[in-house]
Protein backbone atom coordinates (compact mmCIF):
# COMPACT_ATOMS: atom_id res chain seq x y z
CA MET A 1 22.29 -4.71 -9.52
CA SER A 2 24.44 -5.86 -6.61
CA SER A 3 24.93 -2.26 -5.47
CA SER A 4 21.15 -1.75 -5.40
CA THR A 5 20.68 -4.98 -3.43
CA GLU A 6 23.35 -4.02 -0.93
CA GLU A 7 21.74 -0.61 -0.48
CA GLU A 8 18.33 -2.17 0.17
CA GLU A 9 19.84 -4.59 2.70
CA LEU A 10 21.64 -1.73 4.42
CA MET A 11 18.48 0.33 4.62
CA GLN A 12 16.57 -2.61 6.07
CA MET A 13 19.24 -2.97 8.75
CA VAL A 14 18.86 0.72 9.57
CA ILE A 15 15.07 0.36 9.77
CA ASP A 16 15.37 -2.69 12.03
CA PHE A 17 17.86 -0.90 14.26
CA ILE A 18 15.86 2.30 14.66
CA GLU A 19 12.57 0.54 15.30
CA SER A 20 14.14 -1.91 17.78
CA GLU A 21 15.52 0.85 20.01
CA PRO A 22 14.17 0.47 23.57
CA PRO A 23 11.22 2.82 24.02
CA ILE A 24 11.01 5.53 26.61
CA SER A 25 8.97 4.30 29.54
CA HIS A 26 5.31 5.36 29.30
CA THR A 27 2.28 4.37 31.26
CA TYR A 28 -0.98 3.90 29.38
CA SER A 29 -3.74 3.72 31.95
CA LYS A 30 -6.54 5.52 30.12
CA PRO A 31 -8.82 3.38 27.96
CA ILE A 32 -8.74 4.15 24.26
CA ASN A 33 -11.88 5.75 22.88
CA LEU A 34 -11.47 5.89 19.13
CA SER A 35 -14.96 7.32 18.68
CA ARG A 36 -13.45 10.68 19.67
CA ASN A 37 -10.17 10.24 17.84
CA PRO A 38 -10.12 12.80 14.98
CA ILE A 39 -7.86 10.64 12.80
CA PHE A 40 -10.11 7.61 13.26
CA LEU A 41 -13.23 9.65 12.49
CA SER A 42 -11.63 11.07 9.33
CA LEU A 43 -10.42 7.62 8.29
CA GLN A 44 -13.85 6.12 8.83
CA GLU A 45 -15.46 8.89 6.77
CA THR A 46 -12.92 8.41 3.95
CA LEU A 47 -13.33 4.64 3.84
CA GLU A 48 -17.12 4.89 3.79
CA ARG A 49 -17.04 7.40 0.94
CA GLY A 50 -16.86 4.80 -1.80
CA SER A 51 -18.32 5.01 -5.28
CA VAL A 52 -20.53 2.44 -6.97
CA ILE A 53 -17.74 1.53 -9.39
CA GLU A 54 -15.29 0.97 -6.52
CA SER A 55 -17.71 -1.46 -4.91
CA GLU A 56 -18.31 -3.16 -8.24
CA VAL A 57 -14.59 -3.73 -8.92
CA LEU A 58 -13.99 -4.93 -5.36
CA GLU A 59 -16.82 -7.45 -5.66
CA ARG A 60 -15.30 -8.75 -8.89
CA ILE A 61 -11.89 -9.19 -7.27
CA LEU A 62 -13.35 -11.01 -4.26
CA MET A 63 -15.20 -13.29 -6.69
CA TYR A 64 -11.99 -13.99 -8.63
CA LEU A 65 -10.11 -14.86 -5.45
CA LYS A 66 -12.91 -17.17 -4.34
CA ASP A 67 -12.89 -18.84 -7.76
CA MET A 68 -9.14 -19.29 -7.48
CA GLU A 69 -9.49 -21.59 -4.45
CA GLY A 70 -8.84 -25.10 -5.62
CA PHE A 71 -7.86 -23.97 -9.11
CA ASP A 72 -4.73 -25.38 -10.79
CA ASP A 73 -1.79 -24.47 -8.51
CA GLN A 74 0.37 -23.67 -11.53
CA ILE A 75 -1.35 -20.32 -11.81
CA LEU A 76 0.15 -19.36 -8.47
CA ASN A 77 3.66 -20.30 -9.61
CA ASN A 78 4.60 -21.57 -6.18
CA ASN A 79 2.53 -18.88 -4.44
CA ASP A 80 4.18 -16.06 -6.39
CA ASN A 81 2.24 -12.97 -5.35
CA ASN A 82 3.07 -11.23 -8.63
CA ASN A 83 1.40 -14.04 -10.54
CA ILE A 84 -1.74 -13.56 -8.49
CA LYS A 85 -1.77 -9.88 -9.51
CA GLU A 86 -1.28 -10.87 -13.14
CA TRP A 87 -4.16 -13.34 -12.94
CA ILE A 88 -6.43 -10.69 -11.41
CA VAL A 89 -5.51 -8.31 -14.24
CA LEU A 90 -6.37 -10.97 -16.82
CA ARG A 91 -9.74 -11.65 -15.20
CA LEU A 92 -10.54 -7.94 -15.09
CA LYS A 93 -9.65 -7.61 -18.78
CA MET A 94 -11.88 -10.57 -19.60
CA ASP A 95 -14.70 -8.66 -17.90
CA ASP A 96 -13.97 -5.64 -20.12
CA TYR A 97 -12.10 -3.52 -17.57
CA GLU A 98 -9.06 -1.53 -18.72
CA ALA A 99 -6.76 -3.08 -16.11
CA SER A 100 -2.96 -3.04 -15.93
CA LEU A 101 -0.20 -4.29 -13.66
CA CYS A 102 1.86 -1.25 -12.69
CA LYS A 103 5.34 -0.92 -11.22
CA SER A 104 6.46 2.29 -9.58
CA SER A 105 10.08 3.02 -8.74
CA TRP A 106 12.04 5.74 -7.02
CA VAL A 107 15.73 6.40 -6.47
CA SER A 108 17.57 6.96 -3.22
CA THR A 109 18.16 10.57 -2.26
CA PHE A 110 20.41 9.89 0.73
CA GLY A 111 23.57 11.96 0.70
CA ARG A 112 22.36 14.36 -1.99
CA PRO A 113 22.46 18.14 -1.61
CA PHE A 114 19.25 19.71 -0.33
CA THR A 115 16.63 20.22 -3.04
CA GLN A 116 12.91 20.73 -3.15
CA VAL A 117 12.39 17.10 -4.18
CA SER A 118 9.61 15.61 -2.06
CA THR A 119 11.45 12.30 -1.67
CA LEU A 120 14.55 13.85 -0.07
CA GLY A 121 16.20 11.41 2.31
CA HIS A 122 14.41 8.31 1.07
CA PRO A 123 15.87 4.91 0.22
CA SER A 124 15.32 3.60 -3.30
CA GLY A 125 12.60 1.09 -3.98
CA ASP A 126 9.88 -0.20 -6.26
CA TYR A 127 6.34 -1.47 -5.84
CA GLU A 128 3.71 -3.28 -7.91
CA TYR A 129 -0.02 -2.73 -7.86
CA ILE A 130 -3.00 -2.86 -10.23
CA ASP A 131 -4.83 0.05 -11.79
CA VAL A 132 -8.10 0.26 -13.68
CA MET A 133 -8.91 3.16 -15.99
CA MET A 134 -12.63 3.72 -15.97
CA LYS A 135 -14.32 4.32 -19.31
CA ASP A 136 -16.31 7.37 -18.31
CA GLU A 137 -16.15 11.12 -18.77
CA SER A 138 -14.02 11.62 -15.67
CA GLU A 139 -11.50 8.94 -16.77
CA THR A 140 -11.09 7.93 -13.14
CA ARG A 141 -8.03 5.85 -12.29
CA LEU A 142 -8.70 3.25 -9.62
CA ILE A 143 -5.81 1.86 -7.58
CA ILE A 144 -6.02 -1.78 -6.48
CA ASP A 145 -3.74 -3.26 -3.83
CA LEU A 146 -4.20 -6.86 -2.74
CA ASP A 147 -2.14 -6.48 0.45
CA PHE A 148 -2.99 -2.93 1.44
CA ARG A 149 -3.21 -3.11 5.23
CA ALA A 150 0.21 -4.76 5.52
CA GLN A 151 1.86 -1.71 3.91
CA PHE A 152 1.14 0.28 7.08
CA GLU A 153 2.65 -2.16 9.59
CA LEU A 154 4.70 -0.46 12.29
CA ALA A 155 7.19 -1.89 14.77
CA ARG A 156 5.86 -1.92 18.34
CA PRO A 157 2.87 0.33 17.59
CA THR A 158 0.64 1.93 20.18
CA GLN A 159 -2.77 0.39 20.71
CA THR A 160 -4.36 3.40 19.00
CA TYR A 161 -2.26 2.94 15.87
CA THR A 162 -2.99 -0.79 15.80
CA GLU A 163 -6.73 -0.10 15.88
CA LEU A 164 -6.41 2.50 13.12
CA LYS A 165 -4.35 0.17 10.94
CA ASN A 166 -6.79 -2.69 11.49
CA ALA A 167 -9.62 -0.45 10.25
CA LEU A 168 -7.98 -0.50 6.80
CA PRO A 169 -9.20 -3.01 4.22
CA SER A 170 -6.84 -5.83 3.35
CA ILE A 171 -7.77 -5.28 -0.31
CA PHE A 172 -7.97 -1.66 -1.38
CA VAL A 173 -9.94 -0.41 -4.37
CA GLY A 174 -10.24 3.33 -4.64
CA SER A 175 -9.39 6.55 -6.41
CA GLU A 176 -6.03 8.27 -6.15
CA GLY A 177 -7.61 11.03 -4.08
CA LYS A 178 -9.10 8.59 -1.60
CA LEU A 179 -5.79 6.74 -1.32
CA ASN A 180 -3.92 9.99 -0.73
CA GLU A 181 -6.23 10.89 2.15
CA ILE A 182 -5.66 7.48 3.77
CA ILE A 183 -1.89 7.82 3.42
CA TYR A 184 -1.85 11.19 5.16
CA LEU A 185 -4.08 9.98 7.99
CA LEU A 186 -2.12 6.78 8.67
CA CYS A 187 1.27 8.46 8.39
CA SER A 188 0.13 11.12 10.83
CA ALA A 189 -0.97 8.36 13.22
CA ALA A 190 2.33 6.52 12.67
CA LYS A 191 4.24 9.66 13.63
CA GLN A 192 2.26 9.94 16.85
CA SER A 193 2.79 6.25 17.60
CA LEU A 194 6.56 6.43 17.10
CA GLN A 195 6.83 9.59 19.19
CA GLU A 196 4.86 8.03 22.04
CA LYS A 197 7.21 5.06 21.96
CA GLY A 198 10.22 7.34 22.02
CA LEU A 199 11.34 6.27 18.55
CA HIS A 200 12.77 8.29 15.68
CA ILE A 201 10.53 8.99 12.69
CA PRO A 202 12.40 7.63 9.65
CA PRO A 203 11.67 9.19 6.25
CA TRP A 204 10.30 5.91 4.89
CA ARG A 205 7.45 6.19 7.40
CA LYS A 206 6.39 9.57 6.04
CA ALA A 207 3.56 10.33 3.65
CA ASN A 208 5.67 11.31 0.63
CA TYR A 209 7.51 7.98 0.71
CA MET A 210 4.24 6.03 0.91
CA GLN A 211 2.84 8.12 -1.94
CA SER A 212 5.78 6.93 -4.07
CA LYS A 213 4.36 3.41 -3.99
CA TRP A 214 1.03 4.13 -5.65
CA LEU A 215 0.91 7.78 -6.72
CA SER A 216 4.30 8.40 -8.30
CA HIS A 217 4.30 9.59 -11.91
CA ASN A 218 7.38 7.42 -12.39
CA TYR A 219 5.64 4.13 -13.06
CA LYS A 220 5.32 1.75 -15.97
CA LYS A 221 2.67 -0.72 -17.05
CA ILE A 222 4.04 -4.24 -17.13
CA SER A 223 3.24 -6.54 -20.00
CA PHE A 224 3.15 -10.29 -19.40
CA SER A 225 2.17 -13.40 -21.29
CA HIS A 226 3.78 -16.32 -19.45
CA ILE A 227 0.80 -17.02 -17.20
CA LYS A 228 -1.85 -19.29 -18.66
CA GLU A 229 -5.29 -18.03 -19.49
CA ALA A 230 -7.61 -17.50 -16.58
CA PRO A 231 -10.59 -19.85 -16.63
CA ILE A 232 -14.11 -18.60 -17.18
CA LEU A 233 -15.90 -19.83 -14.08
C-alpha cells in the first residue's frame, strides 16, 4: 500500500514539474473563432447527439441533486464525494434503473519492456463512476460521471482548449461510444494546447489513459450498505 502511495505521489510531482515548465514565448493576436474549429464542431455534434434515455437519466440525477439540498448532512458523510455517488445509485435503483457504482483500476507500465499494451508508459490509478444497464434489446450501458468536465483540466491551457473544455457538461450521461468520441476529441485538443505552450505531452494526457477511467474492462461493481436509505421525495 505504501509503495503504491509513494508511486502516486512521485507521479504527481512529475506531472506538476512538466506542466510548470516555462512555456516557449508565443504571441496570440488572432481572435479565436471556434465556429470554424473542426474539433469544436465535432464535439458540439457529439454532445448534441443524445438519446431519449440519456436525457431521461440526466433529468433524474439533476432532480436527485436538487432534492439533496437541505437533506440530512449525514448522507454526505462530511462531503464525501463517494457517498454522493452511492446515494445517486440508490435513488436510481429505487426508480427501477439497473445502476451500479463502478471502480476501474490499472497498473503502472513505467519501466516495462515494450509491448503492444495500450497503456504503455502510464502511471497506475483507479477511478469511480456510475453505470446504468438499460433494459432493452441493445442492452446499452450508460456511463455517468458527476464531475466530468474537471477530468479534462489542463495546466496553463490555451484559450481554445479552455473554450472546448468548458463546452463539456459538468455531469455526463452517455453511451460508451459517445464517451469515447469525446475523449479522443479533447485529448487531441489537449495535445495541441500543450504543443502551443511548448510543453511535453505526458502519457497520462493521452486518450488511452483517459479511456482507462471509464472504458477499461478491468473494473468491478462496488457493493455498499453503510449509507442510510435515500428518502422518497
